[in-house]
Amino acid sequence: MQENSYDYNFCINLALDNAKKRINLLNNSDKKCLLEEYKEWINDGLNKHTVLLLRDDPII
């Protein structure tokens, strides 16, 4: 994992940037609900086996 850490960091940052952009497109109540959902996921604990998939054709 050490030799690919740049790739992992790049992918994580890209996923976070995309998530932020998608969240900003939502109206305030939907935005608040989604942020609360993310907080629950993070509080439940993330590990190296957690996978986040973002679709090119968003459902939201």
N, C-alpha and C. Protein backbone atom coordinates (compact mmCIF):
# COMPACT_ATOMS: atom_id res chain seq x y z
N MET A 1 0.83 -1.20 0.00
CA MET A 1 0.00 0.00 0.00
C MET A 1 0.87 1.25 0.00
N GLN A 2 2.03 1.17 0.58
CA GLN A 2 2.90 2.33 0.69
C GLN A 2 3.28 2.87 -0.69
N GLU A 3 3.62 1.99 -1.63
CA GLU A 3 4.06 2.46 -2.94
C GLU A 3 2.93 3.07 -3.75
N ASN A 4 1.70 2.72 -3.45
CA ASN A 4 0.55 3.26 -4.18
C ASN A 4 -0.18 4.33 -3.39
N SER A 5 0.41 4.83 -2.32
CA SER A 5 -0.31 5.77 -1.46
C SER A 5 -0.71 7.04 -2.20
N TYR A 6 0.11 7.49 -3.16
CA TYR A 6 -0.27 8.68 -3.94
C TYR A 6 -1.55 8.42 -4.71
N ASP A 7 -1.64 7.25 -5.35
CA ASP A 7 -2.84 6.90 -6.11
C ASP A 7 -4.06 6.85 -5.20
N TYR A 8 -3.91 6.26 -4.02
CA TYR A 8 -5.03 6.18 -3.08
C TYR A 8 -5.46 7.57 -2.65
N ASN A 9 -4.50 8.41 -2.31
CA ASN A 9 -4.82 9.78 -1.89
C ASN A 9 -5.50 10.55 -3.01
N PHE A 10 -5.01 10.38 -4.23
CA PHE A 10 -5.61 11.07 -5.37
C PHE A 10 -7.06 10.64 -5.55
N CYS A 11 -7.32 9.32 -5.50
CA CYS A 11 -8.67 8.80 -5.67
C CYS A 11 -9.61 9.27 -4.56
N ILE A 12 -9.12 9.25 -3.33
CA ILE A 12 -9.94 9.70 -2.20
C ILE A 12 -10.28 11.17 -2.35
N ASN A 13 -9.29 11.99 -2.69
CA ASN A 13 -9.54 13.43 -2.86
C ASN A 13 -10.50 13.69 -4.00
N LEU A 14 -10.37 12.95 -5.10
CA LEU A 14 -11.28 13.11 -6.23
C LEU A 14 -12.71 12.73 -5.84
N ALA A 15 -12.85 11.62 -5.10
CA ALA A 15 -14.18 11.20 -4.65
C ALA A 15 -14.80 12.23 -3.71
N LEU A 16 -14.00 12.79 -2.81
CA LEU A 16 -14.52 13.81 -1.89
C LEU A 16 -14.92 15.08 -2.63
N ASP A 17 -14.10 15.50 -3.59
CA ASP A 17 -14.44 16.69 -4.38
C ASP A 17 -15.75 16.48 -5.15
N ASN A 18 -15.91 15.29 -5.74
CA ASN A 18 -17.14 14.99 -6.47
C ASN A 18 -18.34 14.98 -5.55
N ALA A 19 -18.17 14.40 -4.36
CA ALA A 19 -19.27 14.35 -3.39
C ALA A 19 -19.67 15.77 -2.98
N LYS A 20 -18.69 16.63 -2.73
CA LYS A 20 -18.99 18.02 -2.35
C LYS A 20 -19.76 18.73 -3.46
N LYS A 21 -19.34 18.54 -4.71
CA LYS A 21 -20.02 19.19 -5.83
C LYS A 21 -21.46 18.71 -5.94
N ARG A 22 -21.67 17.40 -5.77
CA ARG A 22 -23.01 16.85 -5.87
C ARG A 22 -23.89 17.33 -4.71
N ILE A 23 -23.32 17.42 -3.52
CA ILE A 23 -24.07 17.90 -2.36
C ILE A 23 -24.50 19.35 -2.58
N ASN A 24 -23.61 20.15 -3.14
CA ASN A 24 -23.92 21.57 -3.35
C ASN A 24 -25.03 21.78 -4.38
N LEU A 25 -25.33 20.78 -5.21
CA LEU A 25 -26.41 20.89 -6.18
C LEU A 25 -27.79 20.67 -5.55
N LEU A 26 -27.81 20.11 -4.36
CA LEU A 26 -29.08 19.78 -3.69
C LEU A 26 -29.68 21.01 -3.02
N ASN A 27 -31.01 20.95 -2.80
CA ASN A 27 -31.63 22.01 -2.03
C ASN A 27 -31.27 21.83 -0.55
N ASN A 28 -31.56 22.80 0.27
CA ASN A 28 -31.08 22.80 1.66
C ASN A 28 -31.53 21.59 2.47
N SER A 29 -32.79 21.19 2.35
CA SER A 29 -33.26 20.07 3.17
C SER A 29 -32.63 18.75 2.72
N ASP A 30 -32.50 18.55 1.39
CA ASP A 30 -31.84 17.34 0.90
C ASP A 30 -30.37 17.33 1.27
N LYS A 31 -29.74 18.50 1.19
CA LYS A 31 -28.33 18.63 1.53
C LYS A 31 -28.11 18.25 3.00
N LYS A 32 -28.99 18.74 3.86
CA LYS A 32 -28.86 18.45 5.29
C LYS A 32 -29.03 16.95 5.55
N CYS A 33 -30.00 16.31 4.89
CA CYS A 33 -30.22 14.87 5.07
C CYS A 33 -29.00 14.07 4.63
N LEU A 34 -28.43 14.43 3.49
CA LEU A 34 -27.27 13.69 2.99
C LEU A 34 -26.06 13.88 3.90
N LEU A 35 -25.86 15.09 4.37
CA LEU A 35 -24.74 15.33 5.28
C LEU A 35 -24.90 14.54 6.58
N GLU A 36 -26.13 14.45 7.08
CA GLU A 36 -26.38 13.65 8.28
C GLU A 36 -26.09 12.18 8.02
N GLU A 37 -26.43 11.70 6.84
CA GLU A 37 -26.16 10.30 6.48
C GLU A 37 -24.64 10.05 6.45
N TYR A 38 -23.90 10.96 5.84
CA TYR A 38 -22.43 10.83 5.82
C TYR A 38 -21.87 10.82 7.23
N LYS A 39 -22.39 11.68 8.09
CA LYS A 39 -21.91 11.71 9.48
C LYS A 39 -22.15 10.37 10.16
N GLU A 40 -23.31 9.75 9.91
CA GLU A 40 -23.60 8.44 10.50
C GLU A 40 -22.61 7.40 10.01
N TRP A 41 -22.33 7.41 8.71
CA TRP A 41 -21.38 6.44 8.15
C TRP A 41 -20.00 6.61 8.79
N ILE A 42 -19.58 7.86 8.94
CA ILE A 42 -18.25 8.11 9.50
C ILE A 42 -18.22 7.73 10.98
N ASN A 43 -19.27 8.07 11.72
CA ASN A 43 -19.32 7.74 13.14
C ASN A 43 -19.40 6.24 13.39
N ASP A 44 -19.98 5.49 12.43
CA ASP A 44 -20.04 4.04 12.57
C ASP A 44 -18.66 3.41 12.38
N GLY A 45 -17.74 4.17 11.84
CA GLY A 45 -16.38 3.69 11.68
C GLY A 45 -16.08 3.29 10.24
N LEU A 46 -15.00 3.81 9.75
CA LEU A 46 -14.53 3.47 8.41
C LEU A 46 -13.26 2.65 8.57
N ASN A 47 -13.05 1.76 7.64
CA ASN A 47 -11.81 1.00 7.65
C ASN A 47 -11.28 0.89 6.23
N LYS A 48 -10.16 0.24 6.07
CA LYS A 48 -9.54 0.19 4.75
C LYS A 48 -10.35 -0.65 3.76
N HIS A 49 -11.34 -1.39 4.25
CA HIS A 49 -12.16 -2.22 3.38
C HIS A 49 -13.43 -1.51 2.93
N THR A 50 -13.67 -0.29 3.42
CA THR A 50 -14.84 0.47 3.04
C THR A 50 -14.64 1.01 1.63
N VAL A 51 -15.67 0.90 0.81
CA VAL A 51 -15.57 1.35 -0.58
C VAL A 51 -16.67 2.38 -0.83
N LEU A 52 -16.30 3.47 -1.47
CA LEU A 52 -17.26 4.49 -1.85
C LEU A 52 -17.33 4.52 -3.36
N LEU A 53 -18.51 4.29 -3.92
CA LEU A 53 -18.70 4.31 -5.36
C LEU A 53 -19.60 5.48 -5.72
N LEU A 54 -19.13 6.32 -6.61
CA LEU A 54 -19.92 7.44 -7.10
C LEU A 54 -20.22 7.18 -8.57
N ARG A 55 -21.47 7.30 -8.93
CA ARG A 55 -21.88 7.03 -10.30
C ARG A 55 -21.72 8.27 -11.17
N ASP A 56 -21.45 8.04 -12.48
CA ASP A 56 -21.41 9.14 -13.42
C ASP A 56 -22.81 9.69 -13.68
N ASP A 57 -23.81 8.83 -13.55
CA ASP A 57 -25.20 9.24 -13.76
C ASP A 57 -25.91 9.23 -12.40
N PRO A 58 -25.75 10.32 -11.63
CA PRO A 58 -26.26 10.35 -10.27
C PRO A 58 -27.76 10.08 -10.18
N ILE A 59 -28.12 9.34 -9.15
CA ILE A 59 -29.51 9.02 -8.89
C ILE A 59 -30.20 10.17 -8.17
N ILE A 60 -29.42 10.91 -7.36
CA ILE A 60 -29.99 12.01 -6.59
C ILE A 60 -30.20 13.24 -7.43
